[in-house]
PDB file of all heavy atoms in Angstrom:
ATOM      1  N   LEU A   1      99.039  79.887  86.964  1.00  0.00           N
ATOM      2  CA  LEU A   1      99.911  80.647  86.092  1.00  0.00           C
ATOM      3  C   LEU A   1      99.385  80.504  84.666  1.00  0.00           C
ATOM      4  O   LEU A   1      99.411  79.409  84.106  1.00  0.00           O
ATOM      5  CB  LEU A   1     101.361  80.165  86.172  1.00  0.00           C
ATOM      6  CG  LEU A   1     102.374  81.013  85.410  1.00  0.00           C
ATOM      7  CD1 LEU A   1     102.516  82.395  86.047  1.00  0.00           C
ATOM      8  CD2 LEU A   1     103.736  80.322  85.344  1.00  0.00           C
ATOM      9  N   GLN A   2      98.898  81.602  84.116  1.00  0.00           N
ATOM     10  CA  GLN A   2      98.442  81.645  82.736  1.00  0.00           C
ATOM     11  C   GLN A   2      99.617  82.011  81.852  1.00  0.00           C
ATOM     12  O   GLN A   2     100.224  83.068  82.037  1.00  0.00           O
ATOM     13  CB  GLN A   2      97.316  82.665  82.573  1.00  0.00           C
ATOM     14  CG  GLN A   2      96.794  82.805  81.153  1.00  0.00           C
ATOM     15  CD  GLN A   2      96.045  81.584  80.678  1.00  0.00           C
ATOM     16  OE1 GLN A   2      95.258  81.017  81.429  1.00  0.00           O
ATOM     17  NE2 GLN A   2      96.290  81.164  79.445  1.00  0.00           N
ATOM     18  N   LEU A   3      99.947  81.154  80.896  1.00  0.00           N
ATOM     19  CA  LEU A   3     101.074  81.348  80.000  1.00  0.00           C
ATOM     20  C   LEU A   3     100.536  81.619  78.600  1.00  0.00           C
ATOM     21  O   LEU A   3      99.924  80.747  77.991  1.00  0.00           O
ATOM     22  CB  LEU A   3     101.998  80.131  79.958  1.00  0.00           C
ATOM     23  CG  LEU A   3     102.696  79.670  81.240  1.00  0.00           C
ATOM     24  CD1 LEU A   3     101.753  78.916  82.157  1.00  0.00           C
ATOM     25  CD2 LEU A   3     103.873  78.768  80.881  1.00  0.00           C
ATOM     26  N   ASN A   4     100.762  82.814  78.086  1.00  0.00           N
ATOM     27  CA  ASN A   4     100.330  83.206  76.753  1.00  0.00           C
ATOM     28  C   ASN A   4     101.535  83.533  75.878  1.00  0.00           C
ATOM     29  O   ASN A   4     102.619  83.804  76.379  1.00  0.00           O
ATOM     30  CB  ASN A   4      99.399  84.419  76.817  1.00  0.00           C
ATOM     31  CG  ASN A   4      98.103  84.144  77.527  1.00  0.00           C
ATOM     32  OD1 ASN A   4      97.591  83.027  77.505  1.00  0.00           O
ATOM     33  ND2 ASN A   4      97.541  85.173  78.153  1.00  0.00           N
ATOM     34  N   SER A   5     101.307  83.536  74.572  1.00  0.00           N
ATOM     35  CA  SER A   5     102.346  83.892  73.598  1.00  0.00           C
ATOM     36  C   SER A   5     103.630  83.123  73.851  1.00  0.00           C
ATOM     37  O   SER A   5     104.724  83.692  73.907  1.00  0.00           O
ATOM     38  CB  SER A   5     102.601  85.404  73.629  1.00  0.00           C
ATOM     39  OG  SER A   5     101.421  86.123  73.349  1.00  0.00           O
ATOM     40  N   LEU A   6     103.507  81.826  73.975  1.00  0.00           N
ATOM     41  CA  LEU A   6     104.634  80.999  74.379  1.00  0.00           C
ATOM     42  C   LEU A   6     105.699  80.907  73.298  1.00  0.00           C
ATOM     43  O   LEU A   6     105.394  80.843  72.105  1.00  0.00           O
ATOM     44  CB  LEU A   6     104.151  79.608  74.755  1.00  0.00           C
ATOM     45  CG  LEU A   6     103.455  79.534  76.113  1.00  0.00           C
ATOM     46  CD1 LEU A   6     102.648  78.252  76.237  1.00  0.00           C
ATOM     47  CD2 LEU A   6     104.488  79.624  77.233  1.00  0.00           C
ATOM     48  N   ASN A   7     106.940  80.910  73.740  1.00  0.00           N
ATOM     49  CA  ASN A   7     108.116  80.757  72.889  1.00  0.00           C
ATOM     50  C   ASN A   7     108.807  79.442  73.205  1.00  0.00           C
ATOM     51  O   ASN A   7     108.647  78.898  74.306  1.00  0.00           O
ATOM     52  CB  ASN A   7     109.115  81.896  73.129  1.00  0.00           C
ATOM     53  CG  ASN A   7     108.507  83.268  72.998  1.00  0.00           C
ATOM     54  OD1 ASN A   7     107.772  83.529  72.042  1.00  0.00           O
ATOM     55  ND2 ASN A   7     108.817  84.155  73.924  1.00  0.00           N
ATOM     56  N   PRO A   8     109.611  78.917  72.281  1.00  0.00           N
ATOM     57  CA  PRO A   8     110.422  77.739  72.618  1.00  0.00           C
ATOM     58  C   PRO A   8     111.290  77.950  73.852  1.00  0.00           C
ATOM     59  O   PRO A   8     111.556  76.996  74.585  1.00  0.00           O
ATOM     60  CB  PRO A   8     111.269  77.530  71.363  1.00  0.00           C
ATOM     61  CG  PRO A   8     110.444  78.093  70.265  1.00  0.00           C
ATOM     62  CD  PRO A   8     109.731  79.275  70.859  1.00  0.00           C
ATOM     63  N   GLU A   9     111.709  79.179  74.103  1.00  0.00           N
ATOM     64  CA  GLU A   9     112.516  79.499  75.275  1.00  0.00           C
ATOM     65  C   GLU A   9     111.755  79.341  76.585  1.00  0.00           C
ATOM     66  O   GLU A   9     112.362  79.339  77.656  1.00  0.00           O
ATOM     67  CB  GLU A   9     113.067  80.922  75.168  1.00  0.00           C
ATOM     68  CG  GLU A   9     114.085  81.121  74.039  1.00  0.00           C
ATOM     69  CD  GLU A   9     113.454  81.177  72.653  1.00  0.00           C
ATOM     70  OE1 GLU A   9     112.243  81.443  72.540  1.00  0.00           O
ATOM     71  OE2 GLU A   9     114.181  80.936  71.666  1.00  0.00           O
ATOM     72  N   ASP A  10     110.439  79.227  76.521  1.00  0.00           N
ATOM     73  CA  ASP A  10     109.634  78.988  77.712  1.00  0.00           C
ATOM     74  C   ASP A  10     109.592  77.518  78.107  1.00  0.00           C
ATOM     75  O   ASP A  10     109.027  77.185  79.157  1.00  0.00           O
ATOM     76  CB  ASP A  10     108.210  79.496  77.508  1.00  0.00           C
ATOM     77  CG  ASP A  10     108.147  80.998  77.299  1.00  0.00           C
ATOM     78  OD1 ASP A  10     108.826  81.735  78.046  1.00  0.00           O
ATOM     79  OD2 ASP A  10     107.412  81.438  76.389  1.00  0.00           O
ATOM     80  N   THR A  11     110.149  76.644  77.291  1.00  0.00           N
ATOM     81  CA  THR A  11     110.186  75.222  77.613  1.00  0.00           C
ATOM     82  C   THR A  11     110.960  75.006  78.910  1.00  0.00           C
ATOM     83  O   THR A  11     112.108  75.424  79.036  1.00  0.00           O
ATOM     84  CB  THR A  11     110.830  74.428  76.478  1.00  0.00           C
ATOM     85  OG1 THR A  11     110.004  74.516  75.313  1.00  0.00           O
ATOM     86  CG2 THR A  11     111.002  72.969  76.859  1.00  0.00           C
ATOM     87  N   ALA A  12     110.327  74.352  79.872  1.00  0.00           N
ATOM     88  CA  ALA A  12     110.925  74.166  81.188  1.00  0.00           C
ATOM     89  C   ALA A  12     110.004  73.315  82.040  1.00  0.00           C
ATOM     90  O   ALA A  12     108.840  73.098  81.703  1.00  0.00           O
ATOM     91  CB  ALA A  12     111.161  75.513  81.881  1.00  0.00           C
ATOM     92  N   VAL A  13     110.540  72.850  83.160  1.00  0.00           N
ATOM     93  CA  VAL A  13     109.713  72.325  84.230  1.00  0.00           C
ATOM     94  C   VAL A  13     109.317  73.495  85.109  1.00  0.00           C
ATOM     95  O   VAL A  13     110.174  74.254  85.565  1.00  0.00           O
ATOM     96  CB  VAL A  13     110.438  71.248  85.047  1.00  0.00           C
ATOM     97  CG1 VAL A  13     109.551  70.747  86.175  1.00  0.00           C
ATOM     98  CG2 VAL A  13     110.862  70.096  84.147  1.00  0.00           C
ATOM     99  N   TYR A  14     108.032  73.656  85.339  1.00  0.00           N
ATOM    100  CA  TYR A  14     107.499  74.755  86.129  1.00  0.00           C
ATOM    101  C   TYR A  14     107.132  74.255  87.521  1.00  0.00           C
ATOM    102  O   TYR A  14     106.437  73.248  87.668  1.00  0.00           O
ATOM    103  CB  TYR A  14     106.281  75.366  85.439  1.00  0.00           C
ATOM    104  CG  TYR A  14     106.650  76.235  84.265  1.00  0.00           C
ATOM    105  CD1 TYR A  14     107.124  75.677  83.083  1.00  0.00           C
ATOM    106  CD2 TYR A  14     106.554  77.622  84.341  1.00  0.00           C
ATOM    107  CE1 TYR A  14     107.489  76.471  82.010  1.00  0.00           C
ATOM    108  CE2 TYR A  14     106.909  78.421  83.275  1.00  0.00           C
ATOM    109  CZ  TYR A  14     107.378  77.845  82.112  1.00  0.00           C
ATOM    110  OH  TYR A  14     107.731  78.639  81.049  1.00  0.00           O
ATOM    111  N   TYR A  15     107.590  74.987  88.535  1.00  0.00           N
ATOM    112  CA  TYR A  15     107.422  74.602  89.926  1.00  0.00           C
ATOM    113  C   TYR A  15     106.636  75.653  90.702  1.00  0.00           C
ATOM    114  O   TYR A  15     106.879  76.856  90.548  1.00  0.00           O
ATOM    115  CB  TYR A  15     108.778  74.436  90.622  1.00  0.00           C
ATOM    116  CG  TYR A  15     109.655  73.348  90.057  1.00  0.00           C
ATOM    117  CD1 TYR A  15     110.572  73.623  89.056  1.00  0.00           C
ATOM    118  CD2 TYR A  15     109.575  72.048  90.544  1.00  0.00           C
ATOM    119  CE1 TYR A  15     111.387  72.635  88.542  1.00  0.00           C
ATOM    120  CE2 TYR A  15     110.383  71.054  90.035  1.00  0.00           C
ATOM    121  CZ  TYR A  15     111.292  71.354  89.034  1.00  0.00           C
ATOM    122  OH  TYR A  15     112.108  70.369  88.532  1.00  0.00           O
ATOM    123  N   CYS A  16     105.755  75.194  91.542  1.00  0.00           N
ATOM    124  CA  CYS A  16     105.046  76.019  92.509  1.00  0.00           C
ATOM    125  C   CYS A  16     105.830  76.018  93.819  1.00  0.00           C
ATOM    126  O   CYS A  16     106.374  74.992  94.232  1.00  0.00           O
ATOM    127  CB  CYS A  16     103.643  75.448  92.708  1.00  0.00           C
ATOM    128  SG  CYS A  16     102.602  76.288  93.893  1.00  0.00           S
ATOM    129  N   LYS A  17     105.891  77.174  94.491  1.00  0.00           N
ATOM    130  CA  LYS A  17     106.700  77.294  95.699  1.00  0.00           C
ATOM    131  C   LYS A  17     106.087  78.276  96.673  1.00  0.00           C
ATOM    132  O   LYS A  17     105.497  79.277  96.284  1.00  0.00           O
ATOM    133  CB  LYS A  17     108.120  77.747  95.318  1.00  0.00           C
ATOM    134  CG  LYS A  17     109.063  77.972  96.487  1.00  0.00           C
ATOM    135  CD  LYS A  17     109.414  79.437  96.621  1.00  0.00           C
ATOM    136  CE  LYS A  17     110.457  79.678  97.683  1.00  0.00           C
ATOM    137  NZ  LYS A  17     110.777  81.116  97.817  1.00  0.00           N
ATOM    138  N   THR A  18     106.228  77.968  97.957  1.00  0.00           N
ATOM    139  CA  THR A  18     105.875  78.912  99.005  1.00  0.00           C
ATOM    140  C   THR A  18     106.976  78.921 100.049  1.00  0.00           C
ATOM    141  O   THR A  18     107.828  78.028 100.093  1.00  0.00           O
ATOM    142  CB  THR A  18     104.519  78.558  99.640  1.00  0.00           C
ATOM    143  OG1 THR A  18     104.080  79.632 100.478  1.00  0.00           O
ATOM    144  CG2 THR A  18     104.612  77.286 100.477  1.00  0.00           C
ATOM    145  N   ASN A  19     106.990  79.954 100.885  1.00  0.00           N
ATOM    146  CA  ASN A  19     107.934  80.046 101.989  1.00  0.00           C
ATOM    147  C   ASN A  19     107.142  79.964 103.284  1.00  0.00           C
ATOM    148  O   ASN A  19     106.374  80.876 103.597  1.00  0.00           O
ATOM    149  CB  ASN A  19     108.741  81.329 101.936  1.00  0.00           C
ATOM    150  CG  ASN A  19     109.874  81.352 102.939  1.00  0.00           C
ATOM    151  OD1 ASN A  19     109.921  80.558 103.868  1.00  0.00           O
ATOM    152  ND2 ASN A  19     110.810  82.266 102.752  1.00  0.00           N
ATOM    153  N   LEU A  20     107.328  78.891 104.014  1.00  0.00           N
ATOM    154  CA  LEU A  20     106.560  78.635 105.225  1.00  0.00           C
ATOM    155  C   LEU A  20     107.224  79.173 106.478  1.00  0.00           C
ATOM    156  O   LEU A  20     106.790  78.853 107.586  1.00  0.00           O
ATOM    157  CB  LEU A  20     106.290  77.138 105.362  1.00  0.00           C
ATOM    158  CG  LEU A  20     105.421  76.546 104.256  1.00  0.00           C
ATOM    159  CD1 LEU A  20     105.287  75.043 104.432  1.00  0.00           C
ATOM    160  CD2 LEU A  20     104.049  77.206 104.243  1.00  0.00           C
ATOM    161  N   GLY A  21     108.266  79.981 106.346  1.00  0.00           N
ATOM    162  CA  GLY A  21     108.897  80.629 107.472  1.00  0.00           C
ATOM    163  C   GLY A  21     110.197  79.984 107.879  1.00  0.00           C
ATOM    164  O   GLY A  21     110.650  79.006 107.284  1.00  0.00           O
ATOM    165  N   ILE A  22     110.796  80.539 108.937  1.00  0.00           N
ATOM    166  CA  ILE A  22     112.137  80.119 109.320  1.00  0.00           C
ATOM    167  C   ILE A  22     112.178  78.672 109.792  1.00  0.00           C
ATOM    168  O   ILE A  22     113.172  77.968 109.589  1.00  0.00           O
ATOM    169  CB  ILE A  22     112.716  81.071 110.382  1.00  0.00           C
ATOM    170  CG1 ILE A  22     114.205  80.818 110.589  1.00  0.00           C
ATOM    171  CG2 ILE A  22     111.950  80.952 111.698  1.00  0.00           C
ATOM    172  CD1 ILE A  22     114.892  81.912 111.368  1.00  0.00           C
ATOM    173  N   ARG A  23     111.105  78.195 110.414  1.00  0.00           N
ATOM    174  CA  ARG A  23     111.095  76.817 110.897  1.00  0.00           C
ATOM    175  C   ARG A  23     110.970  75.812 109.765  1.00  0.00           C
ATOM    176  O   ARG A  23     111.749  74.862 109.671  1.00  0.00           O
ATOM    177  CB  ARG A  23     109.955  76.607 111.886  1.00  0.00           C
ATOM    178  CG  ARG A  23     110.137  77.278 113.227  1.00  0.00           C
ATOM    179  CD  ARG A  23     109.052  76.789 114.156  1.00  0.00           C
ATOM    180  NE  ARG A  23     108.958  77.541 115.394  1.00  0.00           N
ATOM    181  CZ  ARG A  23     108.069  77.308 116.336  1.00  0.00           C
ATOM    182  NH1 ARG A  23     107.170  76.327 116.182  1.00  0.00           N
ATOM    183  NH2 ARG A  23     108.049  78.041 117.428  1.00  0.00           N
ATOM    184  N   ARG A  24     109.983  76.004 108.909  1.00  0.00           N
ATOM    185  CA  ARG A  24     109.684  75.018 107.877  1.00  0.00           C
ATOM    186  C   ARG A  24     110.327  75.330 106.540  1.00  0.00           C
ATOM    187  O   ARG A  24     110.468  74.439 105.701  1.00  0.00           O
ATOM    188  CB  ARG A  24     108.175  74.864 107.722  1.00  0.00           C
ATOM    189  CG  ARG A  24     107.524  74.245 108.938  1.00  0.00           C
ATOM    190  CD  ARG A  24     106.055  73.957 108.708  1.00  0.00           C
ATOM    191  NE  ARG A  24     105.252  75.161 108.741  1.00  0.00           N
ATOM    192  CZ  ARG A  24     103.935  75.187 108.535  1.00  0.00           C
ATOM    193  NH1 ARG A  24     103.285  74.056 108.255  1.00  0.00           N
ATOM    194  NH2 ARG A  24     103.277  76.335 108.583  1.00  0.00           N
ATOM    195  N   GLY A  25     110.711  76.583 106.327  1.00  0.00           N
ATOM    196  CA  GLY A  25     111.447  76.976 105.144  1.00  0.00           C
ATOM    197  C   GLY A  25     110.624  76.959 103.873  1.00  0.00           C
ATOM    198  O   GLY A  25     109.396  76.860 103.902  1.00  0.00           O
ATOM    199  N   PRO A  26     111.322  77.053 102.736  1.00  0.00           N
ATOM    200  CA  PRO A  26     110.616  76.984 101.456  1.00  0.00           C
ATOM    201  C   PRO A  26     110.097  75.586 101.192  1.00  0.00           C
ATOM    202  O   PRO A  26     110.679  74.598 101.641  1.00  0.00           O
ATOM    203  CB  PRO A  26     111.684  77.386 100.438  1.00  0.00           C
ATOM    204  CG  PRO A  26     112.971  77.001 101.086  1.00  0.00           C
ATOM    205  CD  PRO A  26     112.766  77.232 102.567  1.00  0.00           C
ATOM    206  N   TYR A  27     109.011  75.515 100.456  1.00  0.00           N
ATOM    207  CA  TYR A  27     108.424  74.238 100.087  1.00  0.00           C
ATOM    208  C   TYR A  27     108.082  74.265  98.614  1.00  0.00           C
ATOM    209  O   TYR A  27     107.482  75.229  98.125  1.00  0.00           O
ATOM    210  CB  TYR A  27     107.180  73.940 100.921  1.00  0.00           C
ATOM    211  CG  TYR A  27     106.795  72.485 100.881  1.00  0.00           C
ATOM    212  CD1 TYR A  27     107.342  71.587 101.785  1.00  0.00           C
ATOM    213  CD2 TYR A  27     105.912  72.008  99.918  1.00  0.00           C
ATOM    214  CE1 TYR A  27     107.016  70.249 101.743  1.00  0.00           C
ATOM    215  CE2 TYR A  27     105.583  70.669  99.868  1.00  0.00           C
ATOM    216  CZ  TYR A  27     106.131  69.795 100.780  1.00  0.00           C
ATOM    217  OH  TYR A  27     105.811  68.467 100.735  1.00  0.00           O
ATOM    218  N   TRP A  28     108.460  73.198  97.916  1.00  0.00           N
ATOM    219  CA  TRP A  28     108.324  73.092  96.466  1.00  0.00           C
ATOM    220  C   TRP A  28     107.375  71.985  96.067  1.00  0.00           C
ATOM    221  O   TRP A  28     107.314  70.934  96.709  1.00  0.00           O
ATOM    222  CB  TRP A  28     109.686  72.800  95.825  1.00  0.00           C
ATOM    223  CG  TRP A  28     110.715  73.853  96.075  1.00  0.00           C
ATOM    224  CD1 TRP A  28     111.532  73.973  97.171  1.00  0.00           C
ATOM    225  CD2 TRP A  28     111.049  74.939  95.212  1.00  0.00           C
ATOM    226  NE1 TRP A  28     112.349  75.067  97.037  1.00  0.00           N
ATOM    227  CE2 TRP A  28     112.078  75.676  95.850  1.00  0.00           C
ATOM    228  CE3 TRP A  28     110.582  75.354  93.969  1.00  0.00           C
ATOM    229  CZ2 TRP A  28     112.646  76.809  95.268  1.00  0.00           C
ATOM    230  CZ3 TRP A  28     111.145  76.477  93.389  1.00  0.00           C
ATOM    231  CH2 TRP A  28     112.167  77.191  94.044  1.00  0.00           C
ATOM    232  N   GLY A  29     106.669  72.206  94.966  1.00  0.00           N
ATOM    233  CA  GLY A  29     105.934  71.141  94.329  1.00  0.00           C
ATOM    234  C   GLY A  29     106.852  70.265  93.500  1.00  0.00           C
ATOM    235  O   GLY A  29     108.066  70.497  93.410  1.00  0.00           O
ATOM    236  N   GLN A  30     106.279  69.253  92.883  1.00  0.00           N
ATOM    237  CA  GLN A  30     107.076  68.293  92.108  1.00  0.00           C
ATOM    238  C   GLN A  30     107.374  68.781  90.694  1.00  0.00           C
ATOM    239  O   GLN A  30     108.252  68.226  90.026  1.00  0.00           O
ATOM    240  CB  GLN A  30     106.347  66.944  92.048  1.00  0.00           C
ATOM    241  CG  GLN A  30     105.302  66.805  90.943  1.00  0.00           C
ATOM    242  CD  GLN A  30     104.049  67.632  91.161  1.00  0.00           C
ATOM    243  OE1 GLN A  30     103.808  68.174  92.234  1.00  0.00           O
ATOM    244  NE2 GLN A  30     103.225  67.725  90.118  1.00  0.00           N
ATOM    245  N   GLY A  31     106.665  69.772  90.222  1.00  0.00           N
ATOM    246  CA  GLY A  31     106.883  70.334  88.905  1.00  0.00           C
ATOM    247  C   GLY A  31     105.971  69.756  87.846  1.00  0.00           C
ATOM    248  O   GLY A  31     105.478  68.636  87.955  1.00  0.00           O
ATOM    249  N   THR A  32     105.741  70.546  86.800  1.00  0.00           N
ATOM    250  CA  THR A  32     104.988  70.102  85.639  1.00  0.00           C
ATOM    251  C   THR A  32     105.716  70.577  84.379  1.00  0.00           C
ATOM    252  O   THR A  32     106.187  71.713  84.312  1.00  0.00           O
ATOM    253  CB  THR A  32     103.532  70.607  85.682  1.00  0.00           C
ATOM    254  OG1 THR A  32     102.791  70.052  84.589  1.00  0.00           O
ATOM    255  CG2 THR A  32     103.455  72.126  85.622  1.00  0.00           C
TER     256      THR A  32
END
C-alpha cells in the first residue's frame, strides 16, 4: 500500500487482510 499526500487523519494502525473462504474465514495481520 503506497500512501501519498498523507494527512493527520490518516493516522491509524493499518492491517492486511484476506478472506480464505467459508472454512477458514477472514485472516488478519498484526498491523503496522
